[in-house]
Protein backbone atom coordinates (compact mmCIF):
# COMPACT_ATOMS: atom_id res chain seq x y z
CA UNK A 1 9.19 15.46 13.54
CA UNK A 2 7.36 14.67 10.78
CA UNK A 3 7.64 11.55 8.07
CA UNK A 4 7.11 11.75 4.36
CA UNK A 5 6.13 9.37 1.96
CA UNK A 6 9.09 8.70 -0.68
CA UNK A 7 8.62 11.70 -2.65
CA UNK A 8 11.86 12.91 -4.20
CA UNK A 9 12.48 15.67 -1.49
CA UNK A 10 15.60 16.48 -0.38
CA UNK A 11 16.57 15.19 3.27
CA UNK A 12 15.31 17.32 6.24
CA UNK A 13 17.28 18.40 9.17
CA UNK A 14 15.98 15.63 11.18
CA UNK A 15 18.31 13.24 9.00
CA UNK A 16 22.05 12.84 9.50
CA UNK A 17 24.16 15.66 8.71
CA UNK A 18 27.56 15.31 7.06
CA UNK A 19 30.57 16.60 8.96
CA UNK A 20 33.64 18.19 7.63
CA UNK A 21 35.29 14.86 6.57
CA UNK A 22 32.18 13.87 4.55
CA UNK A 23 31.04 11.03 6.98
CA UNK A 24 27.45 11.43 8.50
CA UNK A 25 27.09 12.05 11.94
CA UNK A 26 23.71 11.19 13.97
CA UNK A 27 21.75 14.32 14.80
CA UNK A 28 22.14 15.55 18.35
CA UNK A 29 19.31 16.92 20.28
CA UNK A 30 19.31 20.16 22.00
CA UNK A 31 20.03 18.18 25.53
CA UNK A 32 23.33 16.40 23.92
CA UNK A 33 21.88 13.08 23.33
CA UNK A 34 21.78 11.50 19.89
CA UNK A 35 18.46 11.18 18.25
CA UNK A 36 17.20 8.53 16.05
CA UNK A 37 17.21 9.76 12.51
CA UNK A 38 13.75 9.61 11.04
CA UNK A 39 12.71 6.86 8.61
CA UNK A 40 11.23 8.37 5.51
CA UNK A 41 9.48 6.04 2.89
CA UNK A 42 12.12 7.65 0.54
CA UNK A 43 14.48 5.44 2.38
CA UNK A 44 12.94 2.52 0.95
CA UNK A 45 13.33 1.27 -2.72
CA UNK A 46 9.53 1.65 -4.42
CA UNK A 47 10.67 1.32 -7.87
CA UNK A 48 7.78 -1.34 -8.20
CA UNK A 49 5.13 1.30 -8.02
CA UNK A 50 3.54 0.12 -4.76
CA UNK A 51 2.31 3.33 -3.37
CA UNK A 52 0.96 6.29 -5.05
CA UNK A 53 2.65 8.75 -3.04
CA UNK A 54 0.42 11.87 -3.98
CA UNK A 55 -2.46 9.78 -2.31
CA UNK A 56 -0.15 8.56 0.49
CA UNK A 57 1.11 12.07 1.18
CA UNK A 58 -2.50 13.55 1.40
CA UNK A 59 -3.18 10.69 4.16
CA UNK A 60 0.03 11.56 6.07
CA UNK A 61 -1.11 15.28 5.90
CA UNK A 62 -4.23 14.42 8.09
CA UNK A 63 -1.83 13.03 10.79
CA UNK A 64 -0.97 15.02 13.99
CA UNK A 65 2.69 16.69 13.17
CA UNK A 66 4.18 14.56 15.88
CA UNK A 67 2.69 11.06 15.24
CA UNK A 68 1.04 8.98 12.54
CA UNK A 69 -1.79 7.57 14.82
CA UNK A 70 -4.36 8.61 12.40
CA UNK A 71 -3.08 7.14 9.26
CA UNK A 72 -1.66 3.92 11.14
CA UNK A 73 -5.10 3.29 12.30
CA UNK A 74 -6.52 3.65 8.92
CA UNK A 75 -3.71 1.23 7.43
CA UNK A 76 -4.29 -1.36 10.11
CA UNK A 77 -7.66 -1.19 9.84
CA UNK A 78 -7.21 -2.10 5.96
CA UNK A 79 -5.12 -4.77 6.80
CA UNK A 80 -7.78 -6.44 8.82
CA UNK A 81 -10.07 -5.88 5.96
CA UNK A 82 -7.96 -6.96 3.30
CA UNK A 83 -7.39 -10.12 4.93
CA UNK A 84 -11.12 -10.86 5.42
CA UNK A 85 -11.63 -9.99 2.01
CA UNK A 86 -8.98 -12.41 0.41
CA UNK A 87 -10.95 -15.04 2.76
CA UNK A 88 -14.13 -13.91 1.07
CA UNK A 89 -12.76 -14.03 -2.48
CA UNK A 90 -11.02 -17.51 -1.98
CA UNK A 91 -14.31 -18.77 -0.74
CA UNK A 92 -16.30 -17.29 -3.66
CA UNK A 93 -13.60 -18.91 -6.07
CA UNK A 94 -14.16 -22.08 -4.84
CA UNK A 95 -18.04 -21.65 -5.54
CA UNK A 96 -17.26 -19.98 -8.60
CA UNK A 97 -19.58 -17.04 -7.59
CA UNK A 98 -18.61 -14.62 -10.28
CA UNK A 99 -20.70 -11.80 -9.13
CA UNK A 100 -19.54 -12.04 -5.48
CA UNK A 101 -15.83 -12.06 -7.17
CA UNK A 102 -16.68 -9.11 -8.78
CA UNK A 103 -18.30 -7.37 -5.97
CA UNK A 104 -15.50 -8.17 -3.52
CA UNK A 105 -12.92 -6.88 -6.08
CA UNK A 106 -15.01 -3.64 -6.16
CA UNK A 107 -14.83 -3.26 -2.49
CA UNK A 108 -11.34 -3.81 -2.21
CA UNK A 109 -10.49 -1.36 -5.06
CA UNK A 110 -12.18 1.25 -2.90
CA UNK A 111 -10.18 0.81 0.23
CA UNK A 112 -6.68 0.36 -1.75
CA UNK A 113 -7.23 3.54 -3.77
CA UNK A 114 -8.01 5.50 -0.65
CA UNK A 115 -4.53 4.49 0.65
CA UNK A 116 -2.81 4.91 -2.46
CA UNK A 117 -2.12 1.13 -2.85
CA UNK A 118 -1.64 1.12 -6.77
CA UNK A 119 -1.18 -2.34 -7.76
CA UNK A 120 -3.51 -3.94 -5.34
CA UNK A 121 -6.42 -1.19 -6.80
CA UNK A 122 -5.49 -2.10 -10.23
CA UNK A 123 -5.90 -5.75 -9.60
CA UNK A 124 -8.86 -5.34 -7.85
CA UNK A 125 -10.61 -3.50 -10.86
CA UNK A 126 -9.53 -6.41 -13.30
CA UNK A 127 -11.20 -8.86 -10.88
CA UNK A 128 -14.37 -6.80 -10.74
CA UNK A 129 -14.07 -7.03 -14.73
CA UNK A 130 -13.37 -10.82 -14.78
CA UNK A 131 -16.21 -11.30 -12.22
CA UNK A 132 -18.61 -9.82 -14.71
CA UNK A 133 -16.92 -12.10 -17.51
CA UNK A 134 -15.26 -8.97 -19.21
CA UNK A 135 -11.84 -8.71 -20.21
CA UNK A 136 -9.31 -6.72 -18.08
CA UNK A 137 -10.23 -3.72 -19.52
CA UNK A 138 -13.95 -4.45 -18.98
CA UNK A 139 -14.99 -4.14 -22.86
CA UNK A 140 -15.15 -7.47 -24.21
CA UNK A 141 -17.06 -10.53 -22.97
CA UNK A 142 -15.20 -13.58 -22.03
CA UNK A 143 -16.31 -17.21 -21.17
CA UNK A 144 -16.72 -18.48 -17.79
CA UNK A 145 -13.82 -20.75 -18.37
CA UNK A 146 -11.75 -17.92 -19.08
CA UNK A 147 -12.82 -15.95 -16.17
CA UNK A 148 -12.04 -18.59 -13.82
CA UNK A 149 -8.56 -19.25 -15.18
CA UNK A 150 -7.76 -15.32 -15.24
CA UNK A 151 -9.21 -14.97 -11.72
CA UNK A 152 -7.20 -17.82 -10.45
CA UNK A 153 -4.08 -16.45 -11.79
CA UNK A 154 -5.24 -12.98 -10.66
CA UNK A 155 -5.97 -14.02 -6.80
CA UNK A 156 -2.39 -15.13 -6.65
CA UNK A 157 -0.92 -12.05 -8.17
CA UNK A 158 -2.94 -9.68 -6.17
CA UNK A 159 -2.22 -11.39 -2.68
CA UNK A 160 1.67 -11.08 -3.79
CA UNK A 161 0.67 -7.18 -4.34
CA UNK A 162 -1.04 -6.88 -1.09
CA UNK A 163 1.77 -8.72 0.99
CA UNK A 164 4.27 -6.39 -0.71
CA UNK A 165 2.39 -3.32 0.12
CA UNK A 166 1.67 -4.60 3.55
CA UNK A 167 5.52 -5.26 4.10
CA UNK A 168 5.99 -1.68 2.68
CA UNK A 169 3.77 -0.04 4.93
CA UNK A 170 4.62 -1.79 8.21
CA UNK A 171 8.44 -1.12 7.53
CA UNK A 172 7.28 2.85 7.12
CA UNK A 173 5.24 2.82 10.32
CA UNK A 174 7.65 0.57 12.69
CA UNK A 175 10.34 2.94 11.69
CA UNK A 176 8.32 6.01 12.90
CA UNK A 177 9.30 7.35 16.32
């Protein structure tokens, strides 16, 4: 059994199958026992743009066919890394260390992009610019006071986006057989 990310693909033969009266019956294994339906990310609402499915699908393709141990380990390492980075960001914010905030934003942006965590990646890029005292696009210089105000709001937003992505991915991996 393989799992897929939430692309709009039709259900596979591993999912439930409609019977003649229109209801769904669980799939039955060759030995006559019921098998658990596989959870795909498409089972979860992703209208919020949490995941870049093309990137995440490529990560899943690197897994062995029967499990997701490789991608799971990458995702769980990312969770640990992100938590440490958020702690470092909070410390840098207390010191108003703009260069460190920019560096940390750049660091987390790369690992977020590698997993396809779109919202987190985009917010990290903004943090990188704000830390350099530039606007969100990195084009116009802003004051230290404006950068501080924008970064404080952005850190709250980023943590929420990270929590949303973390929950989403934990549901995906915890639902795997």
